[in-house]
Amino acid sequence: MTILANILIVFFISCGLLFIVVSAIGLYRLPDLYTRTHAASKSATLGVMCILLGVFFHFWLKEDHFNPGILLGILFLFITGPVGGHIMSRSSYLAGVKPWSGTVRDDLKEEVERMKKEQGL
């Protein structure tokens, strides 16, 4: 049982580390705020969730201590991480931050223009 527990723990912590490294590379290499926000909110959230899951399994399987607080932290992070990234991106767009010049499609532009016409701006 200990070998299987160690494999499970190392797997989740390694996956989390991989996601966080991908997120860091994305923050460094991607061209604009919107793509960087995507990298930070999606892969960093998955990375921290995997690490927390590895920690949860460590305490549960190795230390024989079931900690529901870690599971609640994973759930909270799963809900708030991507939502926070979306809200920051949308508020930046509404504040006038221009997308990268190589952006192919702007789905929010038509919606913002429609909202401005409805409000009479």
N, C-alpha and C. Protein backbone atom coordinates (compact mmCIF):
# COMPACT_ATOMS: atom_id res chain seq x y z
N MET A 1 0.82 -1.20 0.00
CA MET A 1 0.00 0.00 0.00
C MET A 1 0.86 1.26 0.00
N THR A 2 2.01 1.23 0.66
CA THR A 2 2.85 2.42 0.72
C THR A 2 3.44 2.77 -0.64
N ILE A 3 3.77 1.76 -1.43
CA ILE A 3 4.32 2.05 -2.76
C ILE A 3 3.26 2.71 -3.63
N LEU A 4 2.03 2.20 -3.59
CA LEU A 4 0.94 2.79 -4.36
C LEU A 4 0.64 4.21 -3.87
N ALA A 5 0.66 4.42 -2.57
CA ALA A 5 0.43 5.76 -2.01
C ALA A 5 1.53 6.72 -2.44
N ASN A 6 2.78 6.27 -2.39
CA ASN A 6 3.89 7.13 -2.82
C ASN A 6 3.79 7.48 -4.29
N ILE A 7 3.41 6.51 -5.11
CA ILE A 7 3.26 6.76 -6.55
C ILE A 7 2.16 7.79 -6.79
N LEU A 8 1.04 7.64 -6.09
CA LEU A 8 -0.08 8.57 -6.23
C LEU A 8 0.31 9.98 -5.79
N ILE A 9 0.99 10.08 -4.68
CA ILE A 9 1.41 11.39 -4.16
C ILE A 9 2.40 12.06 -5.11
N VAL A 10 3.41 11.31 -5.53
CA VAL A 10 4.43 11.87 -6.43
C VAL A 10 3.81 12.24 -7.77
N PHE A 11 2.85 11.45 -8.25
CA PHE A 11 2.19 11.75 -9.53
C PHE A 11 1.47 13.09 -9.47
N PHE A 12 0.66 13.31 -8.43
CA PHE A 12 -0.10 14.55 -8.35
C PHE A 12 0.80 15.76 -8.12
N ILE A 13 1.81 15.62 -7.29
CA ILE A 13 2.70 16.75 -7.06
C ILE A 13 3.53 17.05 -8.32
N SER A 14 3.93 16.02 -9.06
CA SER A 14 4.67 16.24 -10.30
C SER A 14 3.79 16.89 -11.36
N CYS A 15 2.55 16.43 -11.46
CA CYS A 15 1.62 17.07 -12.41
C CYS A 15 1.40 18.54 -12.06
N GLY A 16 1.26 18.82 -10.77
CA GLY A 16 1.10 20.21 -10.33
C GLY A 16 2.31 21.05 -10.67
N LEU A 17 3.49 20.50 -10.46
CA LEU A 17 4.72 21.21 -10.79
C LEU A 17 4.80 21.47 -12.29
N LEU A 18 4.42 20.50 -13.09
CA LEU A 18 4.42 20.67 -14.55
C LEU A 18 3.48 21.79 -14.98
N PHE A 19 2.27 21.80 -14.43
CA PHE A 19 1.32 22.86 -14.77
C PHE A 19 1.84 24.24 -14.35
N ILE A 20 2.48 24.33 -13.21
CA ILE A 20 2.99 25.62 -12.75
C ILE A 20 4.16 26.08 -13.61
N VAL A 21 5.00 25.15 -14.05
CA VAL A 21 6.10 25.52 -14.96
C VAL A 21 5.55 26.00 -16.29
N VAL A 22 4.53 25.32 -16.81
CA VAL A 22 3.89 25.75 -18.07
C VAL A 22 3.28 27.14 -17.89
N SER A 23 2.67 27.38 -16.75
CA SER A 23 2.11 28.70 -16.47
C SER A 23 3.19 29.78 -16.43
N ALA A 24 4.31 29.48 -15.81
CA ALA A 24 5.41 30.45 -15.73
C ALA A 24 5.98 30.73 -17.12
N ILE A 25 6.12 29.70 -17.92
CA ILE A 25 6.61 29.90 -19.30
C ILE A 25 5.61 30.73 -20.09
N GLY A 26 4.32 30.44 -19.90
CA GLY A 26 3.28 31.21 -20.59
C GLY A 26 3.29 32.68 -20.19
N LEU A 27 3.50 32.96 -18.91
CA LEU A 27 3.56 34.35 -18.47
C LEU A 27 4.76 35.08 -19.06
N TYR A 28 5.81 34.35 -19.27
CA TYR A 28 7.01 34.96 -19.83
C TYR A 28 6.93 35.12 -21.35
N ARG A 29 6.37 34.12 -22.03
CA ARG A 29 6.46 34.08 -23.49
C ARG A 29 5.25 34.66 -24.24
N LEU A 30 4.07 34.66 -23.65
CA LEU A 30 2.88 35.08 -24.37
C LEU A 30 2.87 36.59 -24.57
N PRO A 31 2.25 37.06 -25.67
CA PRO A 31 2.45 38.45 -26.09
C PRO A 31 1.61 39.52 -25.40
N ASP A 32 0.42 39.22 -24.90
CA ASP A 32 -0.39 40.30 -24.35
C ASP A 32 -1.07 39.89 -23.05
N LEU A 33 -1.77 40.84 -22.47
CA LEU A 33 -2.40 40.64 -21.18
C LEU A 33 -3.41 39.50 -21.21
N TYR A 34 -4.16 39.39 -22.28
CA TYR A 34 -5.25 38.40 -22.33
C TYR A 34 -4.73 36.97 -22.39
N THR A 35 -3.72 36.73 -23.18
CA THR A 35 -3.16 35.38 -23.24
C THR A 35 -2.39 35.04 -21.96
N ARG A 36 -1.76 36.03 -21.37
CA ARG A 36 -1.06 35.80 -20.10
C ARG A 36 -2.05 35.51 -18.97
N THR A 37 -3.17 36.21 -18.98
CA THR A 37 -4.19 35.95 -17.98
C THR A 37 -4.74 34.53 -18.13
N HIS A 38 -4.89 34.10 -19.35
CA HIS A 38 -5.36 32.73 -19.61
C HIS A 38 -4.36 31.72 -19.05
N ALA A 39 -3.09 31.95 -19.31
CA ALA A 39 -2.06 31.03 -18.80
C ALA A 39 -2.03 31.01 -17.28
N ALA A 40 -2.14 32.19 -16.69
CA ALA A 40 -2.06 32.27 -15.24
C ALA A 40 -3.29 31.65 -14.57
N SER A 41 -4.45 31.91 -15.12
CA SER A 41 -5.66 31.44 -14.43
C SER A 41 -5.91 29.96 -14.65
N LYS A 42 -5.64 29.44 -15.81
CA LYS A 42 -5.97 28.04 -16.08
C LYS A 42 -4.89 27.09 -15.57
N SER A 43 -3.69 27.24 -16.05
CA SER A 43 -2.67 26.24 -15.70
C SER A 43 -2.15 26.41 -14.27
N ALA A 44 -2.09 27.63 -13.77
CA ALA A 44 -1.65 27.79 -12.38
C ALA A 44 -2.71 27.23 -11.43
N THR A 45 -3.98 27.41 -11.76
CA THR A 45 -5.05 26.83 -10.93
C THR A 45 -4.96 25.32 -10.92
N LEU A 46 -4.77 24.72 -12.08
CA LEU A 46 -4.63 23.27 -12.14
C LEU A 46 -3.39 22.80 -11.39
N GLY A 47 -2.31 23.55 -11.49
CA GLY A 47 -1.08 23.18 -10.80
C GLY A 47 -1.24 23.18 -9.30
N VAL A 48 -1.82 24.24 -8.76
CA VAL A 48 -2.00 24.32 -7.32
C VAL A 48 -3.00 23.26 -6.85
N MET A 49 -4.04 23.01 -7.65
CA MET A 49 -5.00 21.98 -7.29
C MET A 49 -4.35 20.60 -7.23
N CYS A 50 -3.51 20.29 -8.19
CA CYS A 50 -2.82 18.99 -8.18
C CYS A 50 -1.88 18.86 -6.99
N ILE A 51 -1.17 19.93 -6.67
CA ILE A 51 -0.27 19.88 -5.51
C ILE A 51 -1.08 19.70 -4.22
N LEU A 52 -2.19 20.42 -4.10
CA LEU A 52 -3.02 20.25 -2.92
C LEU A 52 -3.60 18.84 -2.83
N LEU A 53 -3.93 18.27 -3.98
CA LEU A 53 -4.43 16.89 -3.99
C LEU A 53 -3.35 15.92 -3.55
N GLY A 54 -2.12 16.15 -4.00
CA GLY A 54 -1.00 15.33 -3.54
C GLY A 54 -0.77 15.45 -2.05
N VAL A 55 -0.89 16.67 -1.52
CA VAL A 55 -0.75 16.88 -0.08
C VAL A 55 -1.88 16.18 0.67
N PHE A 56 -3.10 16.29 0.12
CA PHE A 56 -4.24 15.61 0.75
C PHE A 56 -4.00 14.11 0.83
N PHE A 57 -3.55 13.51 -0.27
CA PHE A 57 -3.28 12.06 -0.28
C PHE A 57 -2.14 11.70 0.66
N HIS A 58 -1.15 12.57 0.77
CA HIS A 58 -0.05 12.31 1.69
C HIS A 58 -0.56 12.20 3.13
N PHE A 59 -1.32 13.21 3.54
CA PHE A 59 -1.81 13.18 4.92
C PHE A 59 -2.82 12.06 5.15
N TRP A 60 -3.61 11.74 4.14
CA TRP A 60 -4.64 10.72 4.32
C TRP A 60 -4.03 9.31 4.31
N LEU A 61 -3.18 9.04 3.33
CA LEU A 61 -2.66 7.69 3.16
C LEU A 61 -1.42 7.39 3.98
N LYS A 62 -0.57 8.39 4.20
CA LYS A 62 0.68 8.16 4.93
C LYS A 62 0.57 8.51 6.41
N GLU A 63 -0.07 9.62 6.71
CA GLU A 63 -0.18 10.07 8.10
C GLU A 63 -1.48 9.63 8.76
N ASP A 64 -2.38 9.05 7.99
CA ASP A 64 -3.68 8.58 8.48
C ASP A 64 -4.49 9.71 9.11
N HIS A 65 -4.49 10.86 8.41
CA HIS A 65 -5.24 12.02 8.88
C HIS A 65 -6.05 12.56 7.71
N PHE A 66 -7.37 12.40 7.78
CA PHE A 66 -8.26 12.90 6.72
C PHE A 66 -8.55 14.37 7.00
N ASN A 67 -8.20 15.24 6.04
CA ASN A 67 -8.35 16.67 6.23
C ASN A 67 -9.32 17.24 5.19
N PRO A 68 -10.58 17.45 5.56
CA PRO A 68 -11.54 18.00 4.60
C PRO A 68 -11.27 19.46 4.25
N GLY A 69 -10.47 20.15 5.06
CA GLY A 69 -10.12 21.54 4.75
C GLY A 69 -9.34 21.66 3.45
N ILE A 70 -8.49 20.68 3.17
CA ILE A 70 -7.73 20.70 1.92
C ILE A 70 -8.69 20.51 0.74
N LEU A 71 -9.66 19.62 0.90
CA LEU A 71 -10.65 19.41 -0.16
C LEU A 71 -11.48 20.67 -0.39
N LEU A 72 -11.84 21.38 0.68
CA LEU A 72 -12.56 22.63 0.52
C LEU A 72 -11.69 23.69 -0.16
N GLY A 73 -10.41 23.69 0.15
CA GLY A 73 -9.48 24.61 -0.53
C GLY A 73 -9.39 24.32 -2.02
N ILE A 74 -9.36 23.04 -2.38
CA ILE A 74 -9.33 22.64 -3.79
C ILE A 74 -10.60 23.11 -4.49
N LEU A 75 -11.75 22.88 -3.86
CA LEU A 75 -13.03 23.30 -4.43
C LEU A 75 -13.08 24.81 -4.60
N PHE A 76 -12.67 25.55 -3.57
CA PHE A 76 -12.67 27.01 -3.63
C PHE A 76 -11.76 27.50 -4.75
N LEU A 77 -10.58 26.93 -4.86
CA LEU A 77 -9.64 27.32 -5.91
C LEU A 77 -10.18 26.99 -7.29
N PHE A 78 -10.83 25.83 -7.42
CA PHE A 78 -11.41 25.41 -8.69
C PHE A 78 -12.48 26.39 -9.16
N ILE A 79 -13.24 26.94 -8.23
CA ILE A 79 -14.31 27.87 -8.60
C ILE A 79 -13.77 29.28 -8.83
N THR A 80 -12.92 29.76 -7.95
CA THR A 80 -12.53 31.17 -8.00
C THR A 80 -11.38 31.49 -8.95
N GLY A 81 -10.49 30.55 -9.21
CA GLY A 81 -9.33 30.84 -10.06
C GLY A 81 -9.70 31.26 -11.48
N PRO A 82 -10.40 30.44 -12.23
CA PRO A 82 -10.79 30.83 -13.58
C PRO A 82 -11.75 32.02 -13.63
N VAL A 83 -12.64 32.12 -12.66
CA VAL A 83 -13.57 33.25 -12.63
C VAL A 83 -12.81 34.55 -12.42
N GLY A 84 -11.84 34.54 -11.52
CA GLY A 84 -11.03 35.73 -11.29
C GLY A 84 -10.25 36.14 -12.53
N GLY A 85 -9.68 35.16 -13.23
CA GLY A 85 -8.96 35.46 -14.47
C GLY A 85 -9.88 36.05 -15.53
N HIS A 86 -11.09 35.51 -15.62
CA HIS A 86 -12.06 36.02 -16.60
C HIS A 86 -12.46 37.46 -16.26
N ILE A 87 -12.70 37.73 -14.99
CA ILE A 87 -13.12 39.07 -14.59
C ILE A 87 -12.00 40.08 -14.83
N MET A 88 -10.76 39.70 -14.55
CA MET A 88 -9.64 40.61 -14.81
C MET A 88 -9.48 40.89 -16.30
N SER A 89 -9.63 39.87 -17.12
CA SER A 89 -9.51 40.06 -18.57
C SER A 89 -10.63 40.95 -19.09
N ARG A 90 -11.83 40.69 -18.65
CA ARG A 90 -12.98 41.48 -19.15
C ARG A 90 -12.88 42.94 -18.68
N SER A 91 -12.50 43.16 -17.45
CA SER A 91 -12.37 44.54 -16.98
C SER A 91 -11.23 45.27 -17.70
N SER A 92 -10.16 44.56 -18.03
CA SER A 92 -9.07 45.17 -18.80
C SER A 92 -9.55 45.53 -20.20
N TYR A 93 -10.36 44.67 -20.79
CA TYR A 93 -10.90 44.95 -22.12
C TYR A 93 -11.80 46.18 -22.08
N LEU A 94 -12.66 46.25 -21.07
CA LEU A 94 -13.57 47.39 -20.96
C LEU A 94 -12.82 48.67 -20.61
N ALA A 95 -11.66 48.55 -19.98
CA ALA A 95 -10.84 49.72 -19.65
C ALA A 95 -10.04 50.21 -20.86
N GLY A 96 -10.02 49.42 -21.93
CA GLY A 96 -9.37 49.87 -23.16
C GLY A 96 -8.01 49.27 -23.45
N VAL A 97 -7.62 48.22 -22.76
CA VAL A 97 -6.35 47.57 -23.05
C VAL A 97 -6.48 46.84 -24.38
N LYS A 98 -5.63 47.19 -25.32
CA LYS A 98 -5.71 46.63 -26.67
C LYS A 98 -5.11 45.22 -26.72
N PRO A 99 -5.76 44.34 -27.47
CA PRO A 99 -5.18 43.00 -27.67
C PRO A 99 -3.93 43.07 -28.53
N TRP A 100 -3.22 41.98 -28.56
CA TRP A 100 -2.03 41.85 -29.39
C TRP A 100 -2.40 42.08 -30.85
N SER A 101 -1.49 42.63 -31.64
CA SER A 101 -1.77 42.93 -33.05
C SER A 101 -2.01 41.67 -33.87
N GLY A 102 -1.53 40.54 -33.43
CA GLY A 102 -1.74 39.29 -34.14
C GLY A 102 -3.02 38.56 -33.75
N THR A 103 -3.86 39.19 -32.96
CA THR A 103 -5.12 38.57 -32.55
C THR A 103 -6.02 38.40 -33.77
N VAL A 104 -6.55 37.20 -33.92
CA VAL A 104 -7.35 36.88 -35.11
C VAL A 104 -8.82 37.24 -34.91
N ARG A 105 -9.34 37.04 -33.73
CA ARG A 105 -10.77 37.18 -33.51
C ARG A 105 -11.04 37.91 -32.20
N ASP A 106 -12.02 38.81 -32.23
CA ASP A 106 -12.40 39.58 -31.05
C ASP A 106 -13.90 39.43 -30.84
N ASP A 107 -14.29 38.43 -30.08
CA ASP A 107 -15.71 38.15 -29.87
C ASP A 107 -16.38 39.17 -28.96
N LEU A 108 -15.64 39.79 -28.11
CA LEU A 108 -16.23 40.70 -27.14
C LEU A 108 -16.53 42.08 -27.74
N LYS A 109 -15.90 42.42 -28.84
CA LYS A 109 -16.07 43.74 -29.44
C LYS A 109 -17.52 44.01 -29.83
N GLU A 110 -18.15 43.06 -30.49
CA GLU A 110 -19.55 43.23 -30.91
C GLU A 110 -20.48 43.36 -29.71
N GLU A 111 -20.22 42.58 -28.67
CA GLU A 111 -21.05 42.63 -27.46
C GLU A 111 -20.92 43.97 -26.76
N VAL A 112 -19.72 44.52 -26.67
CA VAL A 112 -19.51 45.81 -26.02
C VAL A 112 -20.19 46.91 -26.82
N GLU A 113 -20.07 46.85 -28.14
CA GLU A 113 -20.74 47.86 -28.98
C GLU A 113 -22.25 47.78 -28.84
N ARG A 114 -22.80 46.57 -28.76
CA ARG A 114 -24.24 46.41 -28.58
C ARG A 114 -24.68 46.96 -27.23
N MET A 115 -23.89 46.72 -26.19
CA MET A 115 -24.22 47.24 -24.86
C MET A 115 -24.17 48.76 -24.84
N LYS A 116 -23.21 49.36 -25.55
CA LYS A 116 -23.10 50.82 -25.59
C LYS A 116 -24.30 51.43 -26.31
N LYS A 117 -24.76 50.78 -27.38
CA LYS A 117 -25.94 51.28 -28.11
C LYS A 117 -27.18 51.20 -27.24
N GLU A 118 -27.34 50.13 -26.49
CA GLU A 118 -28.49 49.98 -25.61
C GLU A 118 -28.51 51.02 -24.50
N GLN A 119 -27.32 51.40 -24.02
CA GLN A 119 -27.23 52.37 -22.94
C GLN A 119 -27.20 53.80 -23.45
N GLY A 120 -27.11 53.96 -24.77
CA GLY A 120 -27.11 55.28 -25.36
C GLY A 120 -25.79 56.01 -25.23
N LEU A 121 -24.69 55.27 -25.15
CA LEU A 121 -23.38 55.92 -25.01
C LEU A 121 -22.74 56.17 -26.33
